[in-house]
Amino acid sequence: MLDAKYELIRAEQQVYSLQKEEAKLELRLADLRRGQAFLWDIKELNKQYLEHRQTHPKEMEEYGASSLPALLLETRCVLGVEDQLKKINDRLEKRLQEIGE
């Protein structure tokens, strides 16, 4: 009788462990499905963007608040060019001063 009781307790613990494992796996599967749907949506969005760019090649791109990272990259390029132009301007002013003296 005691052996049957211990076996029942062990089986219940195993069932609990398996249910816990199943819940984790179901959660992981749901996460993977959401991730797959997200990647598919990104792929479709990229496809639509490329199609739009092909049909409207001369249209200037406009950035909104939602594309802040793209704006930051573009700003970095503009600031780099501005710095280069400032250095060139400083050199030209120095040469003009040397010539004027």
PDB file of N, CA and C in Angstrom:
ATOM      1  N   MET A   1       0.821  -1.191   0.000  1.00  0.00           N
ATOM      2  CA  MET A   1       0.000   0.000   0.000  1.00  0.00           C
ATOM      3  C   MET A   1       0.866   1.257   0.000  1.00  0.00           C
ATOM      4  N   LEU A   2       1.935   1.231   0.843  1.00  0.00           N
ATOM      5  CA  LEU A   2       2.844   2.369   0.913  1.00  0.00           C
ATOM      6  C   LEU A   2       3.580   2.570  -0.416  1.00  0.00           C
ATOM      7  N   ASP A   3       3.976   1.465  -1.030  1.00  0.00           N
ATOM      8  CA  ASP A   3       4.658   1.562  -2.326  1.00  0.00           C
ATOM      9  C   ASP A   3       3.758   2.219  -3.361  1.00  0.00           C
ATOM     10  N   ALA A   4       2.483   1.855  -3.363  1.00  0.00           N
ATOM     11  CA  ALA A   4       1.539   2.439  -4.315  1.00  0.00           C
ATOM     12  C   ALA A   4       1.379   3.933  -4.053  1.00  0.00           C
ATOM     13  N   LYS A   5       1.376   4.336  -2.774  1.00  0.00           N
ATOM     14  CA  LYS A   5       1.221   5.742  -2.418  1.00  0.00           C
ATOM     15  C   LYS A   5       2.450   6.542  -2.886  1.00  0.00           C
ATOM     16  N   TYR A   6       3.661   6.004  -2.637  1.00  0.00           N
ATOM     17  CA  TYR A   6       4.884   6.671  -3.080  1.00  0.00           C
ATOM     18  C   TYR A   6       4.942   6.758  -4.609  1.00  0.00           C
ATOM     19  N   GLU A   7       4.501   5.698  -5.252  1.00  0.00           N
ATOM     20  CA  GLU A   7       4.482   5.694  -6.715  1.00  0.00           C
ATOM     21  C   GLU A   7       3.490   6.731  -7.235  1.00  0.00           C
ATOM     22  N   LEU A   8       2.367   6.873  -6.565  1.00  0.00           N
ATOM     23  CA  LEU A   8       1.372   7.876  -6.952  1.00  0.00           C
ATOM     24  C   LEU A   8       1.933   9.284  -6.759  1.00  0.00           C
ATOM     25  N   ILE A   9       2.615   9.526  -5.640  1.00  0.00           N
ATOM     26  CA  ILE A   9       3.211  10.838  -5.366  1.00  0.00           C
ATOM     27  C   ILE A   9       4.276  11.151  -6.419  1.00  0.00           C
ATOM     28  N   ARG A  10       5.100  10.182  -6.731  1.00  0.00           N
ATOM     29  CA  ARG A  10       6.147  10.344  -7.742  1.00  0.00           C
ATOM     30  C   ARG A  10       5.523  10.630  -9.113  1.00  0.00           C
ATOM     31  N   ALA A  11       4.461   9.926  -9.435  1.00  0.00           N
ATOM     32  CA  ALA A  11       3.790  10.131 -10.715  1.00  0.00           C
ATOM     33  C   ALA A  11       3.158  11.519 -10.776  1.00  0.00           C
ATOM     34  N   GLU A  12       2.585  11.977  -9.660  1.00  0.00           N
ATOM     35  CA  GLU A  12       1.982  13.316  -9.627  1.00  0.00           C
ATOM     36  C   GLU A  12       3.062  14.395  -9.802  1.00  0.00           C
ATOM     37  N   GLN A  13       4.223  14.196  -9.175  1.00  0.00           N
ATOM     38  CA  GLN A  13       5.321  15.133  -9.335  1.00  0.00           C
ATOM     39  C   GLN A  13       5.818  15.164 -10.790  1.00  0.00           C
ATOM     40  N   GLN A  14       5.863  13.994 -11.376  1.00  0.00           N
ATOM     41  CA  GLN A  14       6.293  13.908 -12.771  1.00  0.00           C
ATOM     42  C   GLN A  14       5.273  14.593 -13.678  1.00  0.00           C
ATOM     43  N   VAL A  15       3.992  14.403 -13.402  1.00  0.00           N
ATOM     44  CA  VAL A  15       2.940  15.063 -14.192  1.00  0.00           C
ATOM     45  C   VAL A  15       3.062  16.571 -14.049  1.00  0.00           C
ATOM     46  N   TYR A  16       3.293  17.044 -12.813  1.00  0.00           N
ATOM     47  CA  TYR A  16       3.455  18.481 -12.580  1.00  0.00           C
ATOM     48  C   TYR A  16       4.652  19.015 -13.358  1.00  0.00           C
ATOM     49  N   SER A  17       5.774  18.302 -13.324  1.00  0.00           N
ATOM     50  CA  SER A  17       6.972  18.716 -14.058  1.00  0.00           C
ATOM     51  C   SER A  17       6.719  18.759 -15.561  1.00  0.00           C
ATOM     52  N   LEU A  18       6.025  17.741 -16.046  1.00  0.00           N
ATOM     53  CA  LEU A  18       5.724  17.696 -17.482  1.00  0.00           C
ATOM     54  C   LEU A  18       4.762  18.817 -17.889  1.00  0.00           C
ATOM     55  N   GLN A  19       3.795  19.125 -17.026  1.00  0.00           N
ATOM     56  CA  GLN A  19       2.870  20.222 -17.324  1.00  0.00           C
ATOM     57  C   GLN A  19       3.615  21.557 -17.343  1.00  0.00           C
ATOM     58  N   LYS A  20       4.531  21.723 -16.411  1.00  0.00           N
ATOM     59  CA  LYS A  20       5.340  22.944 -16.364  1.00  0.00           C
ATOM     60  C   LYS A  20       6.193  23.059 -17.633  1.00  0.00           C
ATOM     61  N   GLU A  21       6.813  21.964 -18.020  1.00  0.00           N
ATOM     62  CA  GLU A  21       7.623  21.930 -19.243  1.00  0.00           C
ATOM     63  C   GLU A  21       6.755  22.236 -20.469  1.00  0.00           C
ATOM     64  N   GLU A  22       5.560  21.656 -20.502  1.00  0.00           N
ATOM     65  CA  GLU A  22       4.642  21.895 -21.621  1.00  0.00           C
ATOM     66  C   GLU A  22       4.257  23.371 -21.694  1.00  0.00           C
ATOM     67  N   ALA A  23       4.004  23.997 -20.564  1.00  0.00           N
ATOM     68  CA  ALA A  23       3.648  25.417 -20.541  1.00  0.00           C
ATOM     69  C   ALA A  23       4.794  26.270 -21.071  1.00  0.00           C
ATOM     70  N   LYS A  24       6.031  25.932 -20.665  1.00  0.00           N
ATOM     71  CA  LYS A  24       7.198  26.667 -21.166  1.00  0.00           C
ATOM     72  C   LYS A  24       7.339  26.511 -22.680  1.00  0.00           C
ATOM     73  N   LEU A  25       7.154  25.280 -23.162  1.00  0.00           N
ATOM     74  CA  LEU A  25       7.278  25.029 -24.596  1.00  0.00           C
ATOM     75  C   LEU A  25       6.173  25.731 -25.389  1.00  0.00           C
ATOM     76  N   GLU A  26       4.974  25.747 -24.841  1.00  0.00           N
ATOM     77  CA  GLU A  26       3.880  26.450 -25.520  1.00  0.00           C
ATOM     78  C   GLU A  26       4.145  27.951 -25.574  1.00  0.00           C
ATOM     79  N   LEU A  27       4.684  28.496 -24.495  1.00  0.00           N
ATOM     80  CA  LEU A  27       5.043  29.909 -24.471  1.00  0.00           C
ATOM     81  C   LEU A  27       6.140  30.199 -25.496  1.00  0.00           C
ATOM     82  N   ARG A  28       7.125  29.337 -25.547  1.00  0.00           N
ATOM     83  CA  ARG A  28       8.209  29.517 -26.529  1.00  0.00           C
ATOM     84  C   ARG A  28       7.674  29.416 -27.945  1.00  0.00           C
ATOM     85  N   LEU A  29       6.784  28.465 -28.200  1.00  0.00           N
ATOM     86  CA  LEU A  29       6.191  28.318 -29.525  1.00  0.00           C
ATOM     87  C   LEU A  29       5.400  29.571 -29.901  1.00  0.00           C
ATOM     88  N   ALA A  30       4.656  30.115 -28.966  1.00  0.00           N
ATOM     89  CA  ALA A  30       3.896  31.339 -29.230  1.00  0.00           C
ATOM     90  C   ALA A  30       4.849  32.498 -29.542  1.00  0.00           C
ATOM     91  N   ASP A  31       5.949  32.597 -28.791  1.00  0.00           N
ATOM     92  CA  ASP A  31       6.945  33.643 -29.058  1.00  0.00           C
ATOM     93  C   ASP A  31       7.556  33.480 -30.445  1.00  0.00           C
ATOM     94  N   LEU A  32       7.875  32.246 -30.802  1.00  0.00           N
ATOM     95  CA  LEU A  32       8.445  31.993 -32.129  1.00  0.00           C
ATOM     96  C   LEU A  32       7.453  32.350 -33.236  1.00  0.00           C
ATOM     97  N   ARG A  33       6.197  32.042 -33.022  1.00  0.00           N
ATOM     98  CA  ARG A  33       5.179  32.393 -34.028  1.00  0.00           C
ATOM     99  C   ARG A  33       5.037  33.902 -34.166  1.00  0.00           C
ATOM    100  N   ARG A  34       5.058  34.617 -33.033  1.00  0.00           N
ATOM    101  CA  ARG A  34       4.991  36.083 -33.094  1.00  0.00           C
ATOM    102  C   ARG A  34       6.221  36.649 -33.792  1.00  0.00           C
ATOM    103  N   GLY A  35       7.372  36.084 -33.500  1.00  0.00           N
ATOM    104  CA  GLY A  35       8.599  36.525 -34.158  1.00  0.00           C
ATOM    105  C   GLY A  35       8.557  36.275 -35.655  1.00  0.00           C
ATOM    106  N   GLN A  36       8.043  35.129 -36.042  1.00  0.00           N
ATOM    107  CA  GLN A  36       7.917  34.800 -37.459  1.00  0.00           C
ATOM    108  C   GLN A  36       6.948  35.761 -38.143  1.00  0.00           C
ATOM    109  N   ALA A  37       5.841  36.068 -37.496  1.00  0.00           N
ATOM    110  CA  ALA A  37       4.877  37.010 -38.067  1.00  0.00           C
ATOM    111  C   ALA A  37       5.497  38.394 -38.195  1.00  0.00           C
ATOM    112  N   PHE A  38       6.274  38.803 -37.198  1.00  0.00           N
ATOM    113  CA  PHE A  38       6.941  40.107 -37.247  1.00  0.00           C
ATOM    114  C   PHE A  38       7.909  40.166 -38.422  1.00  0.00           C
ATOM    115  N   LEU A  39       8.733  39.119 -38.575  1.00  0.00           N
ATOM    116  CA  LEU A  39       9.687  39.096 -39.675  1.00  0.00           C
ATOM    117  C   LEU A  39       8.985  39.082 -41.033  1.00  0.00           C
ATOM    118  N   TRP A  40       7.885  38.376 -41.139  1.00  0.00           N
ATOM    119  CA  TRP A  40       7.123  38.351 -42.385  1.00  0.00           C
ATOM    120  C   TRP A  40       6.579  39.751 -42.677  1.00  0.00           C
ATOM    121  N   ASP A  41       6.070  40.435 -41.649  1.00  0.00           N
ATOM    122  CA  ASP A  41       5.558  41.789 -41.839  1.00  0.00           C
ATOM    123  C   ASP A  41       6.662  42.745 -42.289  1.00  0.00           C
ATOM    124  N   ILE A  42       7.852  42.607 -41.697  1.00  0.00           N
ATOM    125  CA  ILE A  42       8.990  43.443 -42.092  1.00  0.00           C
ATOM    126  C   ILE A  42       9.355  43.165 -43.555  1.00  0.00           C
ATOM    127  N   LYS A  43       9.343  41.912 -43.927  1.00  0.00           N
ATOM    128  CA  LYS A  43       9.655  41.535 -45.307  1.00  0.00           C
ATOM    129  C   LYS A  43       8.645  42.162 -46.259  1.00  0.00           C
ATOM    130  N   GLU A  44       7.380  42.093 -45.929  1.00  0.00           N
ATOM    131  CA  GLU A  44       6.337  42.676 -46.779  1.00  0.00           C
ATOM    132  C   GLU A  44       6.466  44.197 -46.848  1.00  0.00           C
ATOM    133  N   LEU A  45       6.762  44.814 -45.725  1.00  0.00           N
ATOM    134  CA  LEU A  45       6.935  46.260 -45.694  1.00  0.00           C
ATOM    135  C   LEU A  45       8.117  46.673 -46.566  1.00  0.00           C
ATOM    136  N   ASN A  46       9.208  45.938 -46.475  1.00  0.00           N
ATOM    137  CA  ASN A  46      10.375  46.222 -47.305  1.00  0.00           C
ATOM    138  C   ASN A  46      10.045  46.043 -48.781  1.00  0.00           C
ATOM    139  N   LYS A  47       9.287  45.009 -49.106  1.00  0.00           N
ATOM    140  CA  LYS A  47       8.886  44.753 -50.490  1.00  0.00           C
ATOM    141  C   LYS A  47       8.030  45.905 -51.017  1.00  0.00           C
ATOM    142  N   GLN A  48       7.086  46.362 -50.206  1.00  0.00           N
ATOM    143  CA  GLN A  48       6.238  47.487 -50.617  1.00  0.00           C
ATOM    144  C   GLN A  48       7.070  48.750 -50.804  1.00  0.00           C
ATOM    145  N   TYR A  49       8.025  48.966 -49.915  1.00  0.00           N
ATOM    146  CA  TYR A  49       8.886  50.148 -50.017  1.00  0.00           C
ATOM    147  C   TYR A  49       9.696  50.106 -51.313  1.00  0.00           C
ATOM    148  N   LEU A  50      10.299  48.950 -51.609  1.00  0.00           N
ATOM    149  CA  LEU A  50      11.104  48.834 -52.823  1.00  0.00           C
ATOM    150  C   LEU A  50      10.245  49.012 -54.079  1.00  0.00           C
ATOM    151  N   GLU A  51       9.041  48.479 -54.067  1.00  0.00           N
ATOM    152  CA  GLU A  51       8.132  48.669 -55.202  1.00  0.00           C
ATOM    153  C   GLU A  51       7.788  50.143 -55.376  1.00  0.00           C
ATOM    154  N   HIS A  52       7.538  50.819 -54.277  1.00  0.00           N
ATOM    155  CA  HIS A  52       7.215  52.252 -54.330  1.00  0.00           C
ATOM    156  C   HIS A  52       8.409  53.042 -54.861  1.00  0.00           C
ATOM    157  N   ARG A  53       9.619  52.689 -54.410  1.00  0.00           N
ATOM    158  CA  ARG A  53      10.812  53.406 -54.882  1.00  0.00           C
ATOM    159  C   ARG A  53      11.037  53.174 -56.363  1.00  0.00           C
ATOM    160  N   GLN A  54      10.702  51.985 -56.862  1.00  0.00           N
ATOM    161  CA  GLN A  54      10.872  51.692 -58.288  1.00  0.00           C
ATOM    162  C   GLN A  54       9.861  52.462 -59.131  1.00  0.00           C
ATOM    163  N   THR A  55       8.649  52.592 -58.637  1.00  0.00           N
ATOM    164  CA  THR A  55       7.622  53.301 -59.406  1.00  0.00           C
ATOM    165  C   THR A  55       7.749  54.813 -59.275  1.00  0.00           C
ATOM    166  N   HIS A  56       8.393  55.296 -58.223  1.00  0.00           N
ATOM    167  CA  HIS A  56       8.572  56.736 -58.001  1.00  0.00           C
ATOM    168  C   HIS A  56      10.043  57.041 -57.694  1.00  0.00           C
ATOM    169  N   PRO A  57      10.936  56.841 -58.678  1.00  0.00           N
ATOM    170  CA  PRO A  57      12.367  56.991 -58.381  1.00  0.00           C
ATOM    171  C   PRO A  57      12.791  58.433 -58.093  1.00  0.00           C
ATOM    172  N   LYS A  58      12.093  59.414 -58.630  1.00  0.00           N
ATOM    173  CA  LYS A  58      12.507  60.804 -58.448  1.00  0.00           C
ATOM    174  C   LYS A  58      11.878  61.453 -57.218  1.00  0.00           C
ATOM    175  N   GLU A  59      10.987  60.746 -56.599  1.00  0.00           N
ATOM    176  CA  GLU A  59      10.322  61.291 -55.414  1.00  0.00           C
ATOM    177  C   GLU A  59      11.307  61.332 -54.252  1.00  0.00           C
ATOM    178  N   MET A  60      11.395  62.490 -53.616  1.00  0.00           N
ATOM    179  CA  MET A  60      12.296  62.633 -52.469  1.00  0.00           C
ATOM    180  C   MET A  60      11.702  61.905 -51.260  1.00  0.00           C
ATOM    181  N   GLU A  61      12.588  61.281 -50.512  1.00  0.00           N
ATOM    182  CA  GLU A  61      12.125  60.599 -49.307  1.00  0.00           C
ATOM    183  C   GLU A  61      11.918  61.621 -48.210  1.00  0.00           C
ATOM    184  N   GLU A  62      10.850  61.443 -47.467  1.00  0.00           N
ATOM    185  CA  GLU A  62      10.563  62.309 -46.335  1.00  0.00           C
ATOM    186  C   GLU A  62      10.649  61.475 -45.069  1.00  0.00           C
ATOM    187  N   TYR A  63      11.306  62.054 -44.072  1.00  0.00           N
ATOM    188  CA  TYR A  63      11.446  61.348 -42.809  1.00  0.00           C
ATOM    189  C   TYR A  63      10.498  61.942 -41.793  1.00  0.00           C
ATOM    190  N   GLY A  64       9.902  61.070 -41.028  1.00  0.00           N
ATOM    191  CA  GLY A  64       9.028  61.518 -39.953  1.00  0.00           C
ATOM    192  C   GLY A  64       9.642  61.169 -38.611  1.00  0.00           C
ATOM    193  N   ALA A  65       8.891  61.422 -37.578  1.00  0.00           N
ATOM    194  CA  ALA A  65       9.380  61.130 -36.231  1.00  0.00           C
ATOM    195  C   ALA A  65       9.617  59.637 -36.041  1.00  0.00           C
ATOM    196  N   SER A  66       8.935  58.822 -36.819  1.00  0.00           N
ATOM    197  CA  SER A  66       9.083  57.377 -36.663  1.00  0.00           C
ATOM    198  C   SER A  66      10.399  56.869 -37.247  1.00  0.00           C
ATOM    199  N   SER A  67      11.076  57.686 -38.048  1.00  0.00           N
ATOM    200  CA  SER A  67      12.338  57.241 -38.630  1.00  0.00           C
ATOM    201  C   SER A  67      13.513  58.006 -38.030  1.00  0.00           C
ATOM    202  N   LEU A  68      13.480  58.198 -36.750  1.00  0.00           N
ATOM    203  CA  LEU A  68      14.521  58.934 -36.051  1.00  0.00           C
ATOM    204  C   LEU A  68      15.910  58.328 -36.248  1.00  0.00           C
ATOM    205  N   PRO A  69      16.079  57.009 -36.215  1.00  0.00           N
ATOM    206  CA  PRO A  69      17.421  56.470 -36.448  1.00  0.00           C
ATOM    207  C   PRO A  69      17.979  56.847 -37.824  1.00  0.00           C
ATOM    208  N   ALA A  70      17.132  56.830 -38.847  1.00  0.00           N
ATOM    209  CA  ALA A  70      17.595  57.221 -40.181  1.00  0.00           C
ATOM    210  C   ALA A  70      17.995  58.692 -40.193  1.00  0.00           C
ATOM    211  N   LEU A  71      17.230  59.517 -39.505  1.00  0.00           N
ATOM    212  CA  LEU A  71      17.572  60.932 -39.430  1.00  0.00           C
ATOM    213  C   LEU A  71      18.894  61.150 -38.707  1.00  0.00           C
ATOM    214  N   LEU A  72      19.129  60.382 -37.658  1.00  0.00           N
ATOM    215  CA  LEU A  72      20.390  60.517 -36.931  1.00  0.00           C
ATOM    216  C   LEU A  72      21.583  60.151 -37.806  1.00  0.00           C
ATOM    217  N   LEU A  73      21.440  59.099 -38.604  1.00  0.00           N
ATOM    218  CA  LEU A  73      22.523  58.724 -39.508  1.00  0.00           C
ATOM    219  C   LEU A  73      22.763  59.804 -40.550  1.00  0.00           C
ATOM    220  N   GLU A  74      21.685  60.340 -41.088  1.00  0.00           N
ATOM    221  CA  GLU A  74      21.822  61.396 -42.089  1.00  0.00           C
ATOM    222  C   GLU A  74      22.437  62.648 -41.468  1.00  0.00           C
ATOM    223  N   THR A  75      22.056  62.968 -40.249  1.00  0.00           N
ATOM    224  CA  THR A  75      22.611  64.131 -39.553  1.00  0.00           C
ATOM    225  C   THR A  75      24.102  63.957 -39.332  1.00  0.00           C
ATOM    226  N   ARG A  76      24.510  62.750 -38.990  1.00  0.00           N
ATOM    227  CA  ARG A  76      25.928  62.481 -38.775  1.00  0.00           C
ATOM    228  C   ARG A  76      26.713  62.759 -40.054  1.00  0.00           C
ATOM    229  N   CYS A  77      26.165  62.351 -41.203  1.00  0.00           N
ATOM    230  CA  CYS A  77      26.842  62.607 -42.484  1.00  0.00           C
ATOM    231  C   CYS A  77      26.913  64.103 -42.761  1.00  0.00           C
ATOM    232  N   VAL A  78      25.812  64.805 -42.530  1.00  0.00           N
ATOM    233  CA  VAL A  78      25.772  66.252 -42.776  1.00  0.00           C
ATOM    234  C   VAL A  78      26.761  66.971 -41.872  1.00  0.00           C
ATOM    235  N   LEU A  79      26.821  66.578 -40.610  1.00  0.00           N
ATOM    236  CA  LEU A  79      27.754  67.213 -39.684  1.00  0.00           C
ATOM    237  C   LEU A  79      29.203  66.939 -40.081  1.00  0.00           C
ATOM    238  N   GLY A  80      29.467  65.767 -40.603  1.00  0.00           N
ATOM    239  CA  GLY A  80      30.813  65.447 -41.069  1.00  0.00           C
ATOM    240  C   GLY A  80      31.213  66.339 -42.228  1.00  0.00           C
ATOM    241  N   VAL A  81      30.303  66.531 -43.167  1.00  0.00           N
ATOM    242  CA  VAL A  81      30.560  67.416 -44.313  1.00  0.00           C
ATOM    243  C   VAL A  81      30.722  68.850 -43.831  1.00  0.00           C
ATOM    244  N   GLU A  82      29.896  69.283 -42.887  1.00  0.00           N
ATOM    245  CA  GLU A  82      29.991  70.638 -42.354  1.00  0.00           C
ATOM    246  C   GLU A  82      31.365  70.863 -41.724  1.00  0.00           C
ATOM    247  N   ASP A  83      31.856  69.887 -40.996  1.00  0.00           N
ATOM    248  CA  ASP A  83      33.167  69.995 -40.366  1.00  0.00           C
ATOM    249  C   ASP A  83      34.262  70.115 -41.426  1.00  0.00           C
ATOM    250  N   GLN A  84      34.165  69.314 -42.481  1.00  0.00           N
ATOM    251  CA  GLN A  84      35.150  69.385 -43.559  1.00  0.00           C
ATOM    252  C   GLN A  84      35.128  70.750 -44.235  1.00  0.00           C
ATOM    253  N   LEU A  85      33.936  71.278 -44.495  1.00  0.00           N
ATOM    254  CA  LEU A  85      33.818  72.594 -45.125  1.00  0.00           C
ATOM    255  C   LEU A  85      34.377  73.687 -44.217  1.00  0.00           C
ATOM    256  N   LYS A  86      34.173  73.561 -42.931  1.00  0.00           N
ATOM    257  CA  LYS A  86      34.716  74.549 -41.989  1.00  0.00           C
ATOM    258  C   LYS A  86      36.240  74.541 -42.031  1.00  0.00           C
ATOM    259  N   LYS A  87      36.848  73.353 -42.086  1.00  0.00           N
ATOM    260  CA  LYS A  87      38.304  73.257 -42.164  1.00  0.00           C
ATOM    261  C   LYS A  87      38.821  73.891 -43.453  1.00  0.00           C
ATOM    262  N   ILE A  88      38.142  73.617 -44.559  1.00  0.00           N
ATOM    263  CA  ILE A  88      38.543  74.207 -45.843  1.00  0.00           C
ATOM    264  C   ILE A  88      38.423  75.721 -45.788  1.00  0.00           C
ATOM    265  N   ASN A  89      37.328  76.212 -45.212  1.00  0.00           N
ATOM    266  CA  ASN A  89      37.119  77.652 -45.097  1.00  0.00           C
ATOM    267  C   ASN A  89      38.203  78.296 -44.235  1.00  0.00           C
ATOM    268  N   ASP A  90      38.569  77.652 -43.139  1.00  0.00           N
ATOM    269  CA  ASP A  90      39.630  78.176 -42.279  1.00  0.00           C
ATOM    270  C   ASP A  90      40.953  78.251 -43.036  1.00  0.00           C
ATOM    271  N   ARG A  91      41.281  77.226 -43.814  1.00  0.00           N
ATOM    272  CA  ARG A  91      42.516  77.228 -44.598  1.00  0.00           C
ATOM    273  C   ARG A  91      42.518  78.356 -45.630  1.00  0.00           C
ATOM    274  N   LEU A  92      41.350  78.512 -46.304  1.00  0.00           N
ATOM    275  CA  LEU A  92      41.249  79.583 -47.310  1.00  0.00           C
ATOM    276  C   LEU A  92      41.420  80.961 -46.674  1.00  0.00           C
ATOM    277  N   GLU A  93      40.806  81.160 -45.513  1.00  0.00           N
ATOM    278  CA  GLU A  93      40.945  82.447 -44.825  1.00  0.00           C
ATOM    279  C   GLU A  93      42.400  82.689 -44.427  1.00  0.00           C
ATOM    280  N   LYS A  94      43.070  81.652 -43.975  1.00  0.00           N
ATOM    281  CA  LYS A  94      44.468  81.771 -43.584  1.00  0.00           C
ATOM    282  C   LYS A  94      45.325  82.154 -44.790  1.00  0.00           C
ATOM    283  N   ARG A  95      45.073  81.512 -45.950  1.00  0.00           N
ATOM    284  CA  ARG A  95      45.818  81.831 -47.184  1.00  0.00           C
ATOM    285  C   ARG A  95      45.564  83.254 -47.627  1.00  0.00           C
ATOM    286  N   LEU A  96      44.284  83.699 -47.530  1.00  0.00           N
ATOM    287  CA  LEU A  96      43.952  85.062 -47.922  1.00  0.00           C
ATOM    288  C   LEU A  96      44.649  86.073 -47.028  1.00  0.00           C
ATOM    289  N   GLN A  97      44.731  85.764 -45.754  1.00  0.00           N
ATOM    290  CA  GLN A  97      45.433  86.675 -44.830  1.00  0.00           C
ATOM    291  C   GLN A  97      46.924  86.725 -45.159  1.00  0.00           C
ATOM    292  N   GLU A  98      47.487  85.549 -45.512  1.00  0.00           N
ATOM    293  CA  GLU A  98      48.911  85.512 -45.852  1.00  0.00           C
ATOM    294  C   GLU A  98      49.187  86.328 -47.111  1.00  0.00           C
ATOM    295  N   ILE A  99      48.291  86.247 -48.094  1.00  0.00           N
ATOM    296  CA  ILE A  99      48.436  86.963 -49.358  1.00  0.00           C
ATOM    297  C   ILE A  99      48.256  88.467 -49.127  1.00  0.00           C
ATOM    298  N   GLY A 100      47.320  88.839 -48.263  1.00  0.00           N
ATOM    299  CA  GLY A 100      47.029  90.256 -47.987  1.00  0.00           C
ATOM    300  C   GLY A 100      48.125  90.944 -47.215  1.00  0.00           C
ATOM    301  N   GLU A 101      48.934  90.247 -46.491  1.00  0.00           N
ATOM    302  CA  GLU A 101      49.979  90.879 -45.684  1.00  0.00           C
ATOM    303  C   GLU A 101      51.176  91.220 -46.457  1.00  0.00           C
TER     304      GLU A 101
END
